Amino acid sequence: REEATVDLYSARSRRQEALTIGRRLGLEPQDLEKWFFRVLTELEEAKGQDAQLKEMFAPVHVPPMSSLQREEALAFLTDTNLVQRILADMESLGYMGEEEAKLLGYCVSVSRLLDKPLSAIIQSGSGAGKSFLAETVQELTPPEGVVLYSRLSPQALYHMPKDYLRHKMVRMEERVGGESCDYQIRALQSANVLKQCIVVKDPITGQLHAKENEVLGPIAYWETTTSLYLNPENTSRCFEIPLDESPEQTRRIHERQKVLKTLEGLAGPDHRERVVERHHSAQRLLEKVAVVIPYVHLLKFPDNWLRARRDHDRFLHLIEVLAFLHQHQRPRKQHQG
């Protein structure tokens, strides 16, 4: 049998091959030309989809850190008042009050770098500031370390590139957007891996065979909700962060809103950029190190309900995150090399 090469981009090549095949098989050359053009169109569409996927999951460019940026980031990480610096920076970005919520949110973000990250659910009424808290934490997280979704379809996580989510903070804009993939998210939180076996058809032979999709964690996970009911399967894996809905907090927010309309508020964008840049550089300087809690045997934790087994583990991981964040201030040692 003879083989032929057709340049699908060339009308002349398509026409000539259509005439040849038409004579041999008794087919209309015009119909064959149309078929060649449909093939070209489908290939172009597939090529466009591949390019779109590559762009969607392309690594985020990390700019080189200047010596000045490194110096400022190290000064920040070695400041003995690091926690207060973090809270002050978040307040300078506009998030007033809520010190526990802000610090816990920041810890969830940093925990993405560890083998066992934290997760959180921010729960409050509409307008209390839960989205703003999540946005502020995301803004202080280096772009290469966070992904944001408004909605996930049930199968979306299964078909992501294998390493795309590793050591990232996955932020779901609203609880309702992630309900359809609750199970997949819980699997990534608990097992650090998501596996699915599906049946696919071989495009050449037409035979069916099994294919395994694997997506790796670990991930830190954020979501917000106004719902008063939270699934116990989710809350046992997350810190629940209620927000302050008091008149005092409302007054703090009003004062901040007024400042934005003053001369001081005009200087905001430049200051914001410097703060964000400092936190990005600082988090990029955090190295993967093991954390030992020397006083762990002195800790006591409630043990009269089953959920305490997971809560205790999460409590220890929170201590680990705080030590990890202060790694440039804590003694670093070696054990057996």
C-alpha atoms as a PDB file:
ATOM      1  CA  ARG A   1       0.000   0.000   0.000  1.00  0.00           C
ATOM      2  CA  GLU A   2       1.201   3.518  -0.768  1.00  0.00           C
ATOM      3  CA  GLU A   3       1.533   6.256   1.844  1.00  0.00           C
ATOM      4  CA  ALA A   4       0.733   9.874   1.129  1.00  0.00           C
ATOM      5  CA  THR A   5       1.481  13.122   2.908  1.00  0.00           C
ATOM      6  CA  VAL A   6      -1.088  15.889   2.840  1.00  0.00           C
ATOM      7  CA  ASP A   7      -0.342  19.475   3.773  1.00  0.00           C
ATOM      8  CA  LEU A   8      -3.658  20.364   5.376  1.00  0.00           C
ATOM      9  CA  TYR A   9      -2.753  24.071   5.367  1.00  0.00           C
ATOM     10  CA  SER A  10      -2.406  23.985   1.553  1.00  0.00           C
ATOM     11  CA  ALA A  11      -5.654  24.125  -0.460  1.00  0.00           C
ATOM     12  CA  ARG A  12      -3.793  22.749  -3.476  1.00  0.00           C
ATOM     13  CA  SER A  13      -2.460  19.766  -1.530  1.00  0.00           C
ATOM     14  CA  ARG A  14      -5.920  19.015  -0.097  1.00  0.00           C
ATOM     15  CA  ARG A  15      -7.500  19.229  -3.576  1.00  0.00           C
ATOM     16  CA  GLN A  16      -4.882  17.003  -5.220  1.00  0.00           C
ATOM     17  CA  GLU A  17      -5.148  14.304  -2.541  1.00  0.00           C
ATOM     18  CA  ALA A  18      -8.960  14.464  -2.688  1.00  0.00           C
ATOM     19  CA  LEU A  19      -8.852  13.824  -6.460  1.00  0.00           C
ATOM     20  CA  THR A  20      -6.477  10.872  -5.991  1.00  0.00           C
ATOM     21  CA  ILE A  21      -8.551   9.244  -3.241  1.00  0.00           C
ATOM     22  CA  GLY A  22     -11.792  10.019  -5.076  1.00  0.00           C
ATOM     23  CA  ARG A  23     -10.642   8.163  -8.197  1.00  0.00           C
ATOM     24  CA  ARG A  24      -9.530   5.118  -6.200  1.00  0.00           C
ATOM     25  CA  LEU A  25     -12.586   4.840  -3.965  1.00  0.00           C
ATOM     26  CA  GLY A  26     -15.265   6.291  -6.205  1.00  0.00           C
ATOM     27  CA  LEU A  27     -15.931   9.229  -3.876  1.00  0.00           C
ATOM     28  CA  GLU A  28     -16.694  12.842  -4.677  1.00  0.00           C
ATOM     29  CA  PRO A  29     -13.510  14.965  -4.430  1.00  0.00           C
ATOM     30  CA  GLN A  30     -15.532  17.925  -3.091  1.00  0.00           C
ATOM     31  CA  ASP A  31     -16.749  15.823  -0.143  1.00  0.00           C
ATOM     32  CA  LEU A  32     -13.189  14.674   0.567  1.00  0.00           C
ATOM     33  CA  GLU A  33     -11.920  18.272   0.477  1.00  0.00           C
ATOM     34  CA  LYS A  34     -14.558  19.255   3.021  1.00  0.00           C
ATOM     35  CA  TRP A  35     -13.514  16.302   5.200  1.00  0.00           C
ATOM     36  CA  PHE A  36      -9.845  17.383   5.049  1.00  0.00           C
ATOM     37  CA  PHE A  37     -10.886  20.894   6.086  1.00  0.00           C
ATOM     38  CA  ARG A  38     -12.913  19.544   9.025  1.00  0.00           C
ATOM     39  CA  VAL A  39      -9.862  17.557  10.163  1.00  0.00           C
ATOM     40  CA  LEU A  40      -7.743  20.715   9.969  1.00  0.00           C
ATOM     41  CA  THR A  41     -10.330  22.656  12.000  1.00  0.00           C
ATOM     42  CA  GLU A  42     -10.519  19.976  14.705  1.00  0.00           C
ATOM     43  CA  LEU A  43      -6.730  19.786  14.960  1.00  0.00           C
ATOM     44  CA  GLU A  44      -6.519  23.572  15.293  1.00  0.00           C
ATOM     45  CA  GLU A  45      -9.143  23.512  18.049  1.00  0.00           C
ATOM     46  CA  ALA A  46      -7.276  20.744  19.893  1.00  0.00           C
ATOM     47  CA  LYS A  47      -4.029  22.684  19.506  1.00  0.00           C
ATOM     48  CA  GLY A  48      -5.710  25.779  20.925  1.00  0.00           C
ATOM     49  CA  GLN A  49      -7.051  23.806  23.887  1.00  0.00           C
ATOM     50  CA  ASP A  50      -3.578  22.397  24.603  1.00  0.00           C
ATOM     51  CA  ALA A  51      -2.099  25.896  24.500  1.00  0.00           C
ATOM     52  CA  GLN A  52      -4.854  27.158  26.795  1.00  0.00           C
ATOM     53  CA  LEU A  53      -4.175  24.355  29.284  1.00  0.00           C
ATOM     54  CA  LYS A  54      -0.445  25.073  29.241  1.00  0.00           C
ATOM     55  CA  GLU A  55      -1.114  28.749  29.875  1.00  0.00           C
ATOM     56  CA  MET A  56      -3.625  27.990  32.652  1.00  0.00           C
ATOM     57  CA  PHE A  57      -1.241  25.729  34.567  1.00  0.00           C
ATOM     58  CA  ALA A  58       2.020  27.442  33.629  1.00  0.00           C
ATOM     59  CA  PRO A  59       4.407  28.096  36.546  1.00  0.00           C
ATOM     60  CA  VAL A  60       4.208  31.601  37.944  1.00  0.00           C
ATOM     61  CA  HIS A  61       7.322  33.636  37.202  1.00  0.00           C
ATOM     62  CA  VAL A  62       9.277  34.361  40.388  1.00  0.00           C
ATOM     63  CA  PRO A  63      11.357  37.527  39.989  1.00  0.00           C
ATOM     64  CA  PRO A  64      14.935  37.422  41.302  1.00  0.00           C
ATOM     65  CA  MET A  65      15.326  38.862  44.778  1.00  0.00           C
ATOM     66  CA  SER A  66      17.581  41.875  45.060  1.00  0.00           C
ATOM     67  CA  SER A  67      20.114  42.197  47.877  1.00  0.00           C
ATOM     68  CA  LEU A  68      18.026  45.017  49.393  1.00  0.00           C
ATOM     69  CA  GLN A  69      14.855  42.909  49.298  1.00  0.00           C
ATOM     70  CA  ARG A  70      16.705  40.011  50.942  1.00  0.00           C
ATOM     71  CA  GLU A  71      18.125  42.278  53.623  1.00  0.00           C
ATOM     72  CA  GLU A  72      14.706  43.746  54.442  1.00  0.00           C
ATOM     73  CA  ALA A  73      13.069  40.308  54.467  1.00  0.00           C
ATOM     74  CA  LEU A  74      15.698  38.894  56.836  1.00  0.00           C
ATOM     75  CA  ALA A  75      15.333  41.905  59.134  1.00  0.00           C
ATOM     76  CA  PHE A  76      11.607  41.215  59.175  1.00  0.00           C
ATOM     77  CA  LEU A  77      12.021  37.487  59.918  1.00  0.00           C
ATOM     78  CA  THR A  78      14.555  38.115  62.696  1.00  0.00           C
ATOM     79  CA  ASP A  79      12.478  40.809  64.403  1.00  0.00           C
ATOM     80  CA  THR A  80      11.612  39.588  67.914  1.00  0.00           C
ATOM     81  CA  ASN A  81       8.215  41.233  67.466  1.00  0.00           C
ATOM     82  CA  LEU A  82       7.521  39.305  64.258  1.00  0.00           C
ATOM     83  CA  VAL A  83       3.929  38.444  65.162  1.00  0.00           C
ATOM     84  CA  GLN A  84       3.137  42.079  65.951  1.00  0.00           C
ATOM     85  CA  ARG A  85       4.815  43.143  62.698  1.00  0.00           C
ATOM     86  CA  ILE A  86       2.584  40.751  60.751  1.00  0.00           C
ATOM     87  CA  LEU A  87      -0.562  42.022  62.475  1.00  0.00           C
ATOM     88  CA  ALA A  88       0.485  45.659  61.990  1.00  0.00           C
ATOM     89  CA  ASP A  89       1.144  45.066  58.283  1.00  0.00           C
ATOM     90  CA  MET A  90      -2.274  43.446  57.836  1.00  0.00           C
ATOM     91  CA  GLU A  91      -3.852  46.421  59.582  1.00  0.00           C
ATOM     92  CA  SER A  92      -1.931  48.825  57.345  1.00  0.00           C
ATOM     93  CA  LEU A  93      -3.478  46.982  54.380  1.00  0.00           C
ATOM     94  CA  GLY A  94      -6.883  47.843  55.776  1.00  0.00           C
ATOM     95  CA  TYR A  95      -7.910  44.905  57.943  1.00  0.00           C
ATOM     96  CA  MET A  96      -8.690  46.372  61.351  1.00  0.00           C
ATOM     97  CA  GLY A  97      -8.995  44.363  64.571  1.00  0.00           C
ATOM     98  CA  GLU A  98      -9.541  40.572  64.436  1.00  0.00           C
ATOM     99  CA  GLU A  99      -5.985  39.839  65.628  1.00  0.00           C
ATOM    100  CA  GLU A 100      -6.551  36.135  66.294  1.00  0.00           C
ATOM    101  CA  ALA A 101      -8.276  35.626  62.956  1.00  0.00           C
ATOM    102  CA  LYS A 102      -5.542  37.502  61.068  1.00  0.00           C
ATOM    103  CA  LEU A 103      -2.686  35.601  62.706  1.00  0.00           C
ATOM    104  CA  LEU A 104      -4.382  32.235  62.251  1.00  0.00           C
ATOM    105  CA  GLY A 105      -5.051  33.077  58.612  1.00  0.00           C
ATOM    106  CA  TYR A 106      -1.416  34.000  58.072  1.00  0.00           C
ATOM    107  CA  CYS A 107      -0.331  30.729  59.711  1.00  0.00           C
ATOM    108  CA  VAL A 108      -2.599  28.754  57.377  1.00  0.00           C
ATOM    109  CA  SER A 109      -0.883  30.393  54.409  1.00  0.00           C
ATOM    110  CA  VAL A 110       2.652  29.715  55.692  1.00  0.00           C
ATOM    111  CA  SER A 111       1.720  26.121  56.569  1.00  0.00           C
ATOM    112  CA  ARG A 112       1.447  25.292  52.860  1.00  0.00           C
ATOM    113  CA  LEU A 113       5.255  24.897  52.917  1.00  0.00           C
ATOM    114  CA  LEU A 114       5.086  22.061  55.469  1.00  0.00           C
ATOM    115  CA  ASP A 115       4.276  18.386  55.058  1.00  0.00           C
ATOM    116  CA  LYS A 116       1.041  18.771  57.043  1.00  0.00           C
ATOM    117  CA  PRO A 117      -0.551  22.151  56.194  1.00  0.00           C
ATOM    118  CA  LEU A 118      -3.464  23.733  58.031  1.00  0.00           C
ATOM    119  CA  SER A 119      -6.926  24.542  56.667  1.00  0.00           C
ATOM    120  CA  ALA A 120      -9.517  27.079  57.723  1.00  0.00           C
ATOM    121  CA  ILE A 121     -13.183  27.971  57.295  1.00  0.00           C
ATOM    122  CA  ILE A 122     -14.093  31.618  57.891  1.00  0.00           C
ATOM    123  CA  GLN A 123     -17.665  31.788  59.117  1.00  0.00           C
ATOM    124  CA  SER A 124     -19.662  34.999  59.557  1.00  0.00           C
ATOM    125  CA  GLY A 125     -22.667  36.923  58.384  1.00  0.00           C
ATOM    126  CA  SER A 126     -22.680  38.751  55.067  1.00  0.00           C
ATOM    127  CA  GLY A 127     -20.598  41.944  55.165  1.00  0.00           C
ATOM    128  CA  ALA A 128     -18.555  40.991  58.243  1.00  0.00           C
ATOM    129  CA  GLY A 129     -15.274  40.972  56.311  1.00  0.00           C
ATOM    130  CA  LYS A 130     -14.596  37.277  55.684  1.00  0.00           C
ATOM    131  CA  SER A 131     -13.748  37.787  52.002  1.00  0.00           C
ATOM    132  CA  PHE A 132     -11.501  40.739  52.858  1.00  0.00           C
ATOM    133  CA  LEU A 133      -9.593  38.627  55.389  1.00  0.00           C
ATOM    134  CA  ALA A 134      -9.077  35.870  52.812  1.00  0.00           C
ATOM    135  CA  GLU A 135      -8.025  38.446  50.191  1.00  0.00           C
ATOM    136  CA  THR A 136      -5.539  40.077  52.583  1.00  0.00           C
ATOM    137  CA  VAL A 137      -3.917  36.740  53.441  1.00  0.00           C
ATOM    138  CA  GLN A 138      -3.769  35.840  49.747  1.00  0.00           C
ATOM    139  CA  GLU A 139      -2.196  39.202  48.878  1.00  0.00           C
ATOM    140  CA  LEU A 140       0.621  38.578  51.383  1.00  0.00           C
ATOM    141  CA  THR A 141       1.225  35.084  49.984  1.00  0.00           C
ATOM    142  CA  PRO A 142       3.670  34.829  47.041  1.00  0.00           C
ATOM    143  CA  PRO A 143       1.649  34.355  43.817  1.00  0.00           C
ATOM    144  CA  GLU A 144       3.370  31.058  43.043  1.00  0.00           C
ATOM    145  CA  GLY A 145       2.063  29.665  46.326  1.00  0.00           C
ATOM    146  CA  VAL A 146      -1.676  30.260  45.964  1.00  0.00           C
ATOM    147  CA  VAL A 147      -4.562  29.407  43.624  1.00  0.00           C
ATOM    148  CA  LEU A 148      -8.042  30.939  43.796  1.00  0.00           C
ATOM    149  CA  TYR A 149     -11.254  29.340  42.529  1.00  0.00           C
ATOM    150  CA  SER A 150     -14.791  30.691  42.534  1.00  0.00           C
ATOM    151  CA  ARG A 151     -16.146  27.253  41.675  1.00  0.00           C
ATOM    152  CA  LEU A 152     -14.819  23.738  41.129  1.00  0.00           C
ATOM    153  CA  SER A 153     -16.686  21.096  39.142  1.00  0.00           C
ATOM    154  CA  PRO A 154     -16.828  17.576  40.670  1.00  0.00           C
ATOM    155  CA  GLN A 155     -14.080  16.196  38.416  1.00  0.00           C
ATOM    156  CA  ALA A 156     -11.836  19.271  38.097  1.00  0.00           C
ATOM    157  CA  LEU A 157      -9.278  18.358  40.770  1.00  0.00           C
ATOM    158  CA  TYR A 158      -8.773  14.869  39.347  1.00  0.00           C
ATOM    159  CA  HIS A 159      -7.587  16.241  36.001  1.00  0.00           C
ATOM    160  CA  MET A 160      -5.114  18.879  37.143  1.00  0.00           C
ATOM    161  CA  PRO A 161      -1.380  18.445  36.466  1.00  0.00           C
ATOM    162  CA  LYS A 162       0.092  16.057  39.009  1.00  0.00           C
ATOM    163  CA  ASP A 163       2.253  18.585  40.905  1.00  0.00           C
ATOM    164  CA  TYR A 164       0.225  21.744  40.269  1.00  0.00           C
ATOM    165  CA  LEU A 165      -1.278  21.952  43.781  1.00  0.00           C
ATOM    166  CA  ARG A 166       1.730  20.770  45.785  1.00  0.00           C
ATOM    167  CA  HIS A 167       2.548  23.083  48.702  1.00  0.00           C
ATOM    168  CA  LYS A 168       0.019  25.675  47.602  1.00  0.00           C
ATOM    169  CA  MET A 169      -2.757  27.451  49.417  1.00  0.00           C
ATOM    170  CA  VAL A 170      -6.010  26.608  47.650  1.00  0.00           C
ATOM    171  CA  ARG A 171      -8.546  29.360  48.283  1.00  0.00           C
ATOM    172  CA  MET A 172     -12.219  28.772  47.527  1.00  0.00           C
ATOM    173  CA  GLU A 173     -13.972  32.122  47.187  1.00  0.00           C
ATOM    174  CA  GLU A 174     -17.218  30.872  48.733  1.00  0.00           C
ATOM    175  CA  ARG A 175     -18.195  27.610  50.375  1.00  0.00           C
ATOM    176  CA  VAL A 176     -20.932  26.971  47.813  1.00  0.00           C
ATOM    177  CA  GLY A 177     -18.354  26.919  44.995  1.00  0.00           C
ATOM    178  CA  GLY A 178     -16.570  23.879  46.422  1.00  0.00           C
ATOM    179  CA  GLU A 179     -19.475  21.783  47.711  1.00  0.00           C
ATOM    180  CA  SER A 180     -19.454  19.491  44.688  1.00  0.00           C
ATOM    181  CA  CYS A 181     -15.856  18.403  45.365  1.00  0.00           C
ATOM    182  CA  ASP A 182     -15.915  18.151  49.160  1.00  0.00           C
ATOM    183  CA  TYR A 183     -14.678  14.571  49.093  1.00  0.00           C
ATOM    184  CA  GLN A 184     -11.715  15.355  46.822  1.00  0.00           C
ATOM    185  CA  ILE A 185     -10.642  18.286  48.996  1.00  0.00           C
ATOM    186  CA  ARG A 186     -10.853  16.170  52.154  1.00  0.00           C
ATOM    187  CA  ALA A 187      -8.751  13.467  50.484  1.00  0.00           C
ATOM    188  CA  LEU A 188      -6.044  16.017  49.656  1.00  0.00           C
ATOM    189  CA  GLN A 189      -6.175  17.380  53.214  1.00  0.00           C
ATOM    190  CA  SER A 190      -5.888  13.965  54.878  1.00  0.00           C
ATOM    191  CA  ALA A 191      -3.814  11.841  52.502  1.00  0.00           C
ATOM    192  CA  ASN A 192      -1.939  14.510  50.492  1.00  0.00           C
ATOM    193  CA  VAL A 193      -2.880  12.668  47.300  1.00  0.00           C
ATOM    194  CA  LEU A 194      -5.929  12.287  45.081  1.00  0.00           C
ATOM    195  CA  LYS A 195      -6.261   9.216  42.846  1.00  0.00           C
ATOM    196  CA  GLN A 196      -8.889   8.306  40.284  1.00  0.00           C
ATOM    197  CA  CYS A 197      -9.077   5.297  37.964  1.00  0.00           C
ATOM    198  CA  ILE A 198     -11.043   5.946  34.755  1.00  0.00           C
ATOM    199  CA  VAL A 199     -11.753   4.050  31.546  1.00  0.00           C
ATOM    200  CA  VAL A 200     -10.493   5.604  28.302  1.00  0.00           C
ATOM    201  CA  LYS A 201     -10.619   4.530  24.668  1.00  0.00           C
ATOM    202  CA  ASP A 202      -7.410   4.113  22.673  1.00  0.00           C
ATOM    203  CA  PRO A 203      -7.794   6.506  19.682  1.00  0.00           C
ATOM    204  CA  ILE A 204      -5.929   4.087  17.385  1.00  0.00           C
ATOM    205  CA  THR A 205      -7.222   0.623  18.335  1.00  0.00           C
ATOM    206  CA  GLY A 206     -10.554   1.626  19.846  1.00  0.00           C
ATOM    207  CA  GLN A 207      -9.858  -0.655  22.794  1.00  0.00           C
ATOM    208  CA  LEU A 208     -10.893   0.388  26.307  1.00  0.00           C
ATOM    209  CA  HIS A 209      -8.320   0.419  29.086  1.00  0.00           C
ATOM    210  CA  ALA A 210      -7.932   1.769  32.618  1.00  0.00           C
ATOM    211  CA  LYS A 211      -5.980   4.934  33.305  1.00  0.00           C
ATOM    212  CA  GLU A 212      -4.980   6.322  36.693  1.00  0.00           C
ATOM    213  CA  ASN A 213      -4.995  10.055  37.377  1.00  0.00           C
ATOM    214  CA  GLU A 214      -2.966  11.202  40.380  1.00  0.00           C
ATOM    215  CA  VAL A 215      -2.831  14.696  41.884  1.00  0.00           C
ATOM    216  CA  LEU A 216      -0.393  15.350  44.710  1.00  0.00           C
ATOM    217  CA  GLY A 217      -0.653  17.549  47.779  1.00  0.00           C
ATOM    218  CA  PRO A 218      -0.111  18.718  50.390  1.00  0.00           C
ATOM    219  CA  ILE A 219      -2.369  21.773  50.260  1.00  0.00           C
ATOM    220  CA  ALA A 220      -3.451  24.441  52.716  1.00  0.00           C
ATOM    221  CA  TYR A 221      -7.147  25.104  52.196  1.00  0.00           C
ATOM    222  CA  TRP A 222      -9.293  28.220  52.727  1.00  0.00           C
ATOM    223  CA  GLU A 223     -12.998  28.742  52.313  1.00  0.00           C
ATOM    224  CA  THR A 224     -15.585  31.246  53.551  1.00  0.00           C
ATOM    225  CA  THR A 225     -19.258  30.767  54.333  1.00  0.00           C
ATOM    226  CA  THR A 226     -22.303  32.497  55.772  1.00  0.00           C
ATOM    227  CA  SER A 227     -23.927  29.156  56.588  1.00  0.00           C
ATOM    228  CA  LEU A 228     -24.633  28.406  60.234  1.00  0.00           C
ATOM    229  CA  TYR A 229     -24.313  24.658  59.563  1.00  0.00           C
ATOM    230  CA  LEU A 230     -20.883  23.242  58.729  1.00  0.00           C
ATOM    231  CA  ASN A 231     -20.274  19.636  57.681  1.00  0.00           C
ATOM    232  CA  PRO A 232     -18.526  17.850  60.601  1.00  0.00           C
ATOM    233  CA  GLU A 233     -16.395  15.961  58.080  1.00  0.00           C
ATOM    234  CA  ASN A 234     -14.986  19.317  56.951  1.00  0.00           C
ATOM    235  CA  THR A 235     -14.721  21.070  60.306  1.00  0.00           C
ATOM    236  CA  SER A 236     -12.742  18.214  61.836  1.00  0.00           C
ATOM    237  CA  ARG A 237     -10.001  19.010  59.300  1.00  0.00           C
ATOM    238  CA  CYS A 238     -10.159  22.804  59.588  1.00  0.00           C
ATOM    239  CA  PHE A 239      -9.856  25.675  61.999  1.00  0.00           C
ATOM    240  CA  GLU A 240     -13.195  27.437  62.232  1.00  0.00           C
ATOM    241  CA  ILE A 241     -12.653  31.209  62.287  1.00  0.00           C
ATOM    242  CA  PRO A 242     -15.679  33.231  63.425  1.00  0.00           C
ATOM    243  CA  LEU A 243     -15.439  36.970  62.875  1.00  0.00           C
ATOM    244  CA  ASP A 244     -16.194  39.840  65.219  1.00  0.00           C
ATOM    245  CA  GLU A 245     -19.634  41.271  64.407  1.00  0.00           C
ATOM    246  CA  SER A 246     -19.700  43.714  67.342  1.00  0.00           C
ATOM    247  CA  PRO A 247     -20.387  47.481  67.091  1.00  0.00           C
ATOM    248  CA  GLU A 248     -16.782  48.115  68.236  1.00  0.00           C
ATOM    249  CA  GLN A 249     -15.429  46.283  65.186  1.00  0.00           C
ATOM    250  CA  THR A 250     -17.852  48.149  62.954  1.00  0.00           C
ATOM    251  CA  ARG A 251     -16.529  51.448  64.328  1.00  0.00           C
ATOM    252  CA  ARG A 252     -12.937  50.376  63.569  1.00  0.00           C
ATOM    253  CA  ILE A 253     -13.944  49.653  59.986  1.00  0.00           C
ATOM    254  CA  HIS A 254     -15.708  53.022  59.696  1.00  0.00           C
ATOM    255  CA  GLU A 255     -12.574  54.830  60.886  1.00  0.00           C
ATOM    256  CA  ARG A 256     -10.466  52.992  58.312  1.00  0.00           C
ATOM    257  CA  GLN A 257     -12.911  53.864  55.544  1.00  0.00           C
ATOM    258  CA  LYS A 258     -12.632  57.534  56.526  1.00  0.00           C
ATOM    259  CA  VAL A 259      -8.817  57.436  56.423  1.00  0.00           C
ATOM    260  CA  LEU A 260      -8.960  56.255  52.801  1.00  0.00           C
ATOM    261  CA  LYS A 261     -10.602  59.582  51.900  1.00  0.00           C
ATOM    262  CA  THR A 262      -7.815  61.713  53.428  1.00  0.00           C
ATOM    263  CA  LEU A 263      -4.383  62.830  52.187  1.00  0.00           C
ATOM    264  CA  GLU A 264      -2.910  59.948  54.159  1.00  0.00           C
ATOM    265  CA  GLY A 265      -5.066  57.590  52.144  1.00  0.00           C
ATOM    266  CA  LEU A 266      -3.585  58.859  48.863  1.00  0.00           C
ATOM    267  CA  ALA A 267      -0.198  57.418  49.828  1.00  0.00           C
ATOM    268  CA  GLY A 268      -1.765  53.989  50.335  1.00  0.00           C
ATOM    269  CA  PRO A 269      -0.848  52.210  47.063  1.00  0.00           C
ATOM    270  CA  ASP A 270       2.925  52.774  47.386  1.00  0.00           C
ATOM    271  CA  HIS A 271       2.940  51.647  51.015  1.00  0.00           C
ATOM    272  CA  ARG A 272       0.818  48.611  50.152  1.00  0.00           C
ATOM    273  CA  GLU A 273       3.250  47.540  47.435  1.00  0.00           C
ATOM    274  CA  ARG A 274       6.210  47.728  49.839  1.00  0.00           C
ATOM    275  CA  VAL A 275       4.398  45.693  52.510  1.00  0.00           C
ATOM    276  CA  VAL A 276       3.322  43.001  50.047  1.00  0.00           C
ATOM    277  CA  GLU A 277       6.811  42.795  48.532  1.00  0.00           C
ATOM    278  CA  ARG A 278       8.370  42.349  51.990  1.00  0.00           C
ATOM    279  CA  HIS A 279       6.065  39.457  52.875  1.00  0.00           C
ATOM    280  CA  HIS A 280       6.597  37.738  49.527  1.00  0.00           C
ATOM    281  CA  SER A 281      10.373  37.917  49.961  1.00  0.00           C
ATOM    282  CA  ALA A 282      10.194  36.773  53.594  1.00  0.00           C
ATOM    283  CA  GLN A 283       8.078  33.715  52.791  1.00  0.00           C
ATOM    284  CA  ARG A 284      10.395  32.801  49.923  1.00  0.00           C
ATOM    285  CA  LEU A 285      13.288  32.789  52.404  1.00  0.00           C
ATOM    286  CA  LEU A 286      11.617  30.188  54.643  1.00  0.00           C
ATOM    287  CA  GLU A 287      13.518  26.928  54.252  1.00  0.00           C
ATOM    288  CA  LYS A 288      12.112  23.452  54.676  1.00  0.00           C
ATOM    289  CA  VAL A 289      13.293  22.368  58.134  1.00  0.00           C
ATOM    290  CA  ALA A 290      12.020  19.838  60.643  1.00  0.00           C
ATOM    291  CA  VAL A 291      10.456  21.261  63.806  1.00  0.00           C
ATOM    292  CA  VAL A 292      10.857  19.738  67.274  1.00  0.00           C
ATOM    293  CA  ILE A 293       8.593  20.776  70.164  1.00  0.00           C
ATOM    294  CA  PRO A 294      10.775  20.176  73.246  1.00  0.00           C
ATOM    295  CA  TYR A 295       7.932  20.728  75.733  1.00  0.00           C
ATOM    296  CA  VAL A 296       5.389  18.576  73.884  1.00  0.00           C
ATOM    297  CA  HIS A 297       5.127  16.060  76.742  1.00  0.00           C
ATOM    298  CA  LEU A 298       3.877  18.861  79.035  1.00  0.00           C
ATOM    299  CA  LEU A 299       0.868  19.689  76.846  1.00  0.00           C
ATOM    300  CA  LYS A 300      -2.596  18.623  77.927  1.00  0.00           C
ATOM    301  CA  PHE A 301      -5.599  18.441  75.618  1.00  0.00           C
ATOM    302  CA  PRO A 302      -9.259  17.448  76.108  1.00  0.00           C
ATOM    303  CA  ASP A 303      -9.862  13.761  75.400  1.00  0.00           C
ATOM    304  CA  ASN A 304     -13.531  13.213  76.117  1.00  0.00           C
ATOM    305  CA  TRP A 305     -14.798  13.342  72.521  1.00  0.00           C
ATOM    306  CA  LEU A 306     -13.657  11.559  69.368  1.00  0.00           C
ATOM    307  CA  ARG A 307     -12.968  14.708  67.368  1.00  0.00           C
ATOM    308  CA  ALA A 308     -10.195  15.623  69.853  1.00  0.00           C
ATOM    309  CA  ARG A 309      -7.924  13.141  68.060  1.00  0.00           C
ATOM    310  CA  ARG A 310      -7.811  15.370  64.995  1.00  0.00           C
ATOM    311  CA  ASP A 311      -8.048  18.629  66.940  1.00  0.00           C
ATOM    312  CA  HIS A 312      -5.001  17.708  69.046  1.00  0.00           C
ATOM    313  CA  ASP A 313      -2.961  16.916  65.953  1.00  0.00           C
ATOM    314  CA  ARG A 314      -3.979  20.215  64.359  1.00  0.00           C
ATOM    315  CA  PHE A 315      -3.067  22.057  67.573  1.00  0.00           C
ATOM    316  CA  LEU A 316       0.456  20.577  67.423  1.00  0.00           C
ATOM    317  CA  HIS A 317       0.764  21.524  63.768  1.00  0.00           C
ATOM    318  CA  LEU A 318      -0.173  25.109  64.632  1.00  0.00           C
ATOM    319  CA  ILE A 319       2.715  25.214  67.119  1.00  0.00           C
ATOM    320  CA  GLU A 320       4.934  23.770  64.385  1.00  0.00           C
ATOM    321  CA  VAL A 321       3.896  26.508  61.931  1.00  0.00           C
ATOM    322  CA  LEU A 322       4.684  29.271  64.429  1.00  0.00           C
ATOM    323  CA  ALA A 323       8.136  27.772  65.082  1.00  0.00           C
ATOM    324  CA  PHE A 324       8.672  27.379  61.328  1.00  0.00           C
ATOM    325  CA  LEU A 325       7.763  31.045  60.808  1.00  0.00           C
ATOM    326  CA  HIS A 326      10.336  32.009  63.462  1.00  0.00           C
ATOM    327  CA  GLN A 327      13.052  29.713  62.041  1.00  0.00           C
ATOM    328  CA  HIS A 328      15.531  32.588  61.719  1.00  0.00           C
ATOM    329  CA  GLN A 329      15.208  33.209  65.470  1.00  0.00           C
ATOM    330  CA  ARG A 330      15.222  29.644  66.812  1.00  0.00           C
ATOM    331  CA  PRO A 331      18.302  27.448  67.351  1.00  0.00           C
ATOM    332  CA  ARG A 332      18.952  25.141  64.408  1.00  0.00           C
ATOM    333  CA  LYS A 333      20.460  21.780  65.294  1.00  0.00           C
ATOM    334  CA  GLN A 334      21.453  18.511  63.684  1.00  0.00           C
ATOM    335  CA  HIS A 335      20.511  15.009  64.756  1.00  0.00           C
ATOM    336  CA  GLN A 336      22.537  12.077  63.425  1.00  0.00           C
ATOM    337  CA  GLY A 337      23.820  14.265  60.603  1.00  0.00           C
END
